[in-house]
Amino acid sequence: MNNKPNKKCKRLSNGFVGLAEELSKFTKSSTKIKAVKIEAQKEIALKTMENQLVMAWMFVEFMCGSGNGSGGGGGGCSDGNGNKD
């Protein structure tokens, strides 16, 4: 052999390094996208739960009424300890 570097092999090596770098960038981007997606899903779930809590409180208020017989509940609900509000 003549101990000269093989140009074809060097080009392939550089190509593999470039490919590895691009795959690394893609993986990082993909990971960021997944993290943003999870965060968005978390925010949606929290908003949904907040809305459900508001609806539950509105329902409780409607069922308990305001104490004057309106609202369908006959006026006043207990607080869970047997005490009327």
N, C-alpha and C. Protein backbone atom coordinates (compact mmCIF):
# COMPACT_ATOMS: atom_id res chain seq x y z
N MET A 1 0.83 -1.19 0.00
CA MET A 1 0.00 0.00 0.00
C MET A 1 0.87 1.25 0.00
N ASN A 2 0.25 2.36 -0.37
CA ASN A 2 1.02 3.58 -0.52
C ASN A 2 0.85 4.56 0.65
N ASN A 3 0.10 4.20 1.68
CA ASN A 3 -0.10 5.00 2.88
C ASN A 3 -0.74 6.37 2.63
N LYS A 4 -1.40 6.52 1.52
CA LYS A 4 -2.12 7.77 1.26
C LYS A 4 -3.57 7.59 1.74
N PRO A 5 -4.16 8.66 2.30
CA PRO A 5 -5.54 8.54 2.77
C PRO A 5 -6.48 8.31 1.59
N ASN A 6 -7.43 7.48 1.79
CA ASN A 6 -8.41 7.17 0.76
C ASN A 6 -9.44 8.31 0.75
N LYS A 7 -9.49 9.05 -0.37
CA LYS A 7 -10.38 10.21 -0.47
C LYS A 7 -11.84 9.79 -0.38
N LYS A 8 -12.18 8.67 -0.97
CA LYS A 8 -13.56 8.20 -0.93
C LYS A 8 -13.97 7.88 0.51
N CYS A 9 -13.09 7.25 1.24
CA CYS A 9 -13.36 6.91 2.63
C CYS A 9 -13.50 8.17 3.48
N LYS A 10 -12.66 9.16 3.22
CA LYS A 10 -12.72 10.42 3.97
C LYS A 10 -14.05 11.13 3.70
N ARG A 11 -14.51 11.15 2.44
CA ARG A 11 -15.80 11.77 2.11
C ARG A 11 -16.93 11.05 2.82
N LEU A 12 -16.89 9.73 2.85
CA LEU A 12 -17.93 8.98 3.54
C LEU A 12 -17.91 9.27 5.03
N SER A 13 -16.72 9.36 5.60
CA SER A 13 -16.58 9.64 7.02
C SER A 13 -17.18 11.01 7.35
N ASN A 14 -16.86 12.01 6.54
CA ASN A 14 -17.41 13.35 6.75
C ASN A 14 -18.94 13.34 6.59
N GLY A 15 -19.41 12.56 5.66
CA GLY A 15 -20.86 12.44 5.45
C GLY A 15 -21.55 11.83 6.66
N PHE A 16 -20.92 10.82 7.25
CA PHE A 16 -21.50 10.18 8.43
C PHE A 16 -21.50 11.14 9.62
N VAL A 17 -20.45 11.93 9.74
CA VAL A 17 -20.39 12.91 10.83
C VAL A 17 -21.51 13.94 10.64
N GLY A 18 -21.68 14.41 9.43
CA GLY A 18 -22.76 15.36 9.14
C GLY A 18 -24.12 14.76 9.41
N LEU A 19 -24.29 13.51 9.01
CA LEU A 19 -25.56 12.82 9.25
C LEU A 19 -25.83 12.70 10.75
N ALA A 20 -24.81 12.33 11.49
CA ALA A 20 -24.95 12.19 12.94
C ALA A 20 -25.30 13.54 13.57
N GLU A 21 -24.69 14.62 13.11
CA GLU A 21 -25.00 15.95 13.64
C GLU A 21 -26.45 16.33 13.34
N GLU A 22 -26.89 16.08 12.13
CA GLU A 22 -28.27 16.41 11.75
C GLU A 22 -29.28 15.55 12.52
N LEU A 23 -28.96 14.29 12.72
CA LEU A 23 -29.84 13.43 13.52
C LEU A 23 -29.91 13.93 14.97
N SER A 24 -28.80 14.40 15.47
CA SER A 24 -28.78 14.94 16.83
C SER A 24 -29.67 16.18 16.92
N LYS A 25 -29.56 17.08 15.94
CA LYS A 25 -30.41 18.27 15.90
C LYS A 25 -31.88 17.89 15.82
N PHE A 26 -32.19 16.92 14.97
CA PHE A 26 -33.57 16.46 14.80
C PHE A 26 -34.11 15.88 16.11
N THR A 27 -33.29 15.09 16.79
CA THR A 27 -33.70 14.49 18.06
C THR A 27 -33.99 15.56 19.10
N LYS A 28 -33.12 16.56 19.19
CA LYS A 28 -33.33 17.66 20.14
C LYS A 28 -34.62 18.41 19.81
N SER A 29 -34.84 18.69 18.54
CA SER A 29 -36.06 19.40 18.14
C SER A 29 -37.29 18.57 18.45
N SER A 30 -37.22 17.30 18.16
CA SER A 30 -38.34 16.39 18.43
C SER A 30 -38.65 16.33 19.92
N THR A 31 -37.61 16.30 20.74
CA THR A 31 -37.79 16.27 22.19
C THR A 31 -38.45 17.56 22.67
N LYS A 32 -38.03 18.70 22.12
CA LYS A 32 -38.63 19.99 22.49
C LYS A 32 -40.11 20.02 22.10
N ILE A 33 -40.41 19.52 20.91
CA ILE A 33 -41.80 19.49 20.45
C ILE A 33 -42.65 18.63 21.37
N LYS A 34 -42.14 17.48 21.77
CA LYS A 34 -42.87 16.60 22.68
C LYS A 34 -43.11 17.29 24.02
N ALA A 35 -42.09 17.99 24.52
CA ALA A 35 -42.24 18.69 25.81
C ALA A 35 -43.29 19.79 25.71
N VAL A 36 -43.31 20.53 24.62
CA VAL A 36 -44.31 21.58 24.42
C VAL A 36 -45.70 20.96 24.31
N LYS A 37 -45.80 19.84 23.62
CA LYS A 37 -47.09 19.16 23.48
C LYS A 37 -47.61 18.70 24.85
N ILE A 38 -46.73 18.13 25.65
CA ILE A 38 -47.14 17.68 26.99
C ILE A 38 -47.57 18.87 27.84
N GLU A 39 -46.85 19.96 27.76
CA GLU A 39 -47.20 21.17 28.51
C GLU A 39 -48.57 21.70 28.06
N ALA A 40 -48.81 21.69 26.76
CA ALA A 40 -50.11 22.15 26.25
C ALA A 40 -51.23 21.23 26.74
N GLN A 41 -51.00 19.92 26.72
CA GLN A 41 -52.01 18.98 27.21
C GLN A 41 -52.28 19.20 28.70
N LYS A 42 -51.24 19.51 29.45
CA LYS A 42 -51.39 19.78 30.88
C LYS A 42 -52.25 21.03 31.09
N GLU A 43 -51.96 22.08 30.33
CA GLU A 43 -52.73 23.32 30.45
C GLU A 43 -54.20 23.10 30.08
N ILE A 44 -54.44 22.32 29.04
CA ILE A 44 -55.81 22.03 28.64
C ILE A 44 -56.53 21.26 29.74
N ALA A 45 -55.86 20.28 30.32
CA ALA A 45 -56.47 19.49 31.39
C ALA A 45 -56.78 20.37 32.60
N LEU A 46 -55.85 21.26 32.96
CA LEU A 46 -56.08 22.15 34.10
C LEU A 46 -57.25 23.09 33.85
N LYS A 47 -57.33 23.65 32.65
CA LYS A 47 -58.45 24.54 32.31
C LYS A 47 -59.77 23.77 32.34
N THR A 48 -59.76 22.54 31.84
CA THR A 48 -60.97 21.73 31.85
C THR A 48 -61.41 21.46 33.29
N MET A 49 -60.47 21.13 34.15
CA MET A 49 -60.81 20.88 35.55
C MET A 49 -61.32 22.14 36.24
N GLU A 50 -60.70 23.29 35.94
CA GLU A 50 -61.17 24.55 36.50
C GLU A 50 -62.61 24.84 36.06
N ASN A 51 -62.88 24.61 34.78
CA ASN A 51 -64.23 24.84 34.27
C ASN A 51 -65.24 23.89 34.91
N GLN A 52 -64.84 22.64 35.11
CA GLN A 52 -65.73 21.68 35.76
C GLN A 52 -66.00 22.08 37.21
N LEU A 53 -64.99 22.61 37.89
CA LEU A 53 -65.17 23.06 39.27
C LEU A 53 -66.14 24.24 39.32
N VAL A 54 -65.99 25.17 38.40
CA VAL A 54 -66.92 26.31 38.33
C VAL A 54 -68.34 25.81 38.10
N MET A 55 -68.50 24.88 37.19
CA MET A 55 -69.84 24.34 36.91
C MET A 55 -70.40 23.63 38.13
N ALA A 56 -69.57 22.90 38.85
CA ALA A 56 -70.02 22.20 40.05
C ALA A 56 -70.49 23.19 41.10
N TRP A 57 -69.71 24.28 41.30
CA TRP A 57 -70.11 25.29 42.28
C TRP A 57 -71.40 25.99 41.85
N MET A 58 -71.55 26.24 40.56
CA MET A 58 -72.79 26.85 40.07
C MET A 58 -73.97 25.91 40.34
N PHE A 59 -73.77 24.63 40.13
CA PHE A 59 -74.82 23.65 40.38
C PHE A 59 -75.19 23.62 41.86
N VAL A 60 -74.17 23.62 42.73
CA VAL A 60 -74.41 23.61 44.17
C VAL A 60 -75.19 24.87 44.58
N GLU A 61 -74.77 26.01 44.07
CA GLU A 61 -75.46 27.25 44.39
C GLU A 61 -76.90 27.21 43.91
N PHE A 62 -77.12 26.67 42.73
CA PHE A 62 -78.47 26.57 42.19
C PHE A 62 -79.33 25.65 43.05
N MET A 63 -78.75 24.50 43.43
CA MET A 63 -79.52 23.53 44.22
C MET A 63 -79.78 24.04 45.64
N CYS A 64 -78.86 24.76 46.20
CA CYS A 64 -79.05 25.27 47.56
C CYS A 64 -79.95 26.49 47.57
N GLY A 65 -79.97 27.23 46.50
CA GLY A 65 -80.77 28.44 46.45
C GLY A 65 -80.16 29.51 47.32
N SER A 66 -80.87 30.61 47.42
CA SER A 66 -80.35 31.73 48.21
C SER A 66 -81.06 31.84 49.54
N GLY A 67 -81.85 30.83 49.92
CA GLY A 67 -82.53 30.86 51.20
C GLY A 67 -83.92 31.44 51.12
N ASN A 68 -84.32 31.94 49.95
CA ASN A 68 -85.64 32.53 49.83
C ASN A 68 -86.59 31.63 49.05
N GLY A 69 -86.20 30.38 48.87
CA GLY A 69 -87.07 29.44 48.19
C GLY A 69 -86.88 29.41 46.69
N SER A 70 -86.15 30.33 46.11
CA SER A 70 -85.91 30.30 44.67
C SER A 70 -84.70 29.43 44.40
N GLY A 71 -84.62 28.95 43.21
CA GLY A 71 -83.45 28.16 42.84
C GLY A 71 -83.66 26.67 42.97
N GLY A 72 -84.81 26.23 43.46
CA GLY A 72 -85.14 24.83 43.44
C GLY A 72 -84.63 24.03 44.60
N GLY A 73 -83.88 24.60 45.51
CA GLY A 73 -83.31 23.80 46.58
C GLY A 73 -84.01 23.93 47.91
N GLY A 74 -84.93 24.81 48.01
CA GLY A 74 -85.63 24.96 49.26
C GLY A 74 -84.87 25.77 50.29
N GLY A 75 -83.80 26.41 49.90
CA GLY A 75 -83.11 27.35 50.77
C GLY A 75 -82.11 26.73 51.72
N GLY A 76 -80.88 26.85 51.43
CA GLY A 76 -79.80 26.47 52.34
C GLY A 76 -79.37 25.03 52.21
N CYS A 77 -78.07 24.83 52.20
CA CYS A 77 -77.47 23.50 52.16
C CYS A 77 -76.53 23.37 53.33
N SER A 78 -76.29 22.14 53.73
CA SER A 78 -75.33 21.94 54.81
C SER A 78 -73.93 22.00 54.24
N ASP A 79 -72.98 22.24 55.11
CA ASP A 79 -71.58 22.35 54.67
C ASP A 79 -70.84 21.03 54.73
N GLY A 80 -71.56 19.94 54.91
CA GLY A 80 -70.93 18.65 55.00
C GLY A 80 -70.73 18.22 56.43
N ASN A 81 -70.83 19.16 57.36
CA ASN A 81 -70.72 18.85 58.79
C ASN A 81 -72.07 18.95 59.48
N GLY A 82 -73.14 19.05 58.70
CA GLY A 82 -74.47 19.16 59.27
C GLY A 82 -74.88 20.57 59.58
N ASN A 83 -74.03 21.53 59.27
CA ASN A 83 -74.34 22.94 59.53
C ASN A 83 -74.95 23.56 58.28
N LYS A 84 -76.04 24.28 58.45
CA LYS A 84 -76.62 25.01 57.33
C LYS A 84 -75.79 26.23 57.04
N ASP A 85 -75.83 26.69 55.77
CA ASP A 85 -75.04 27.88 55.44
C ASP A 85 -75.76 29.14 55.75
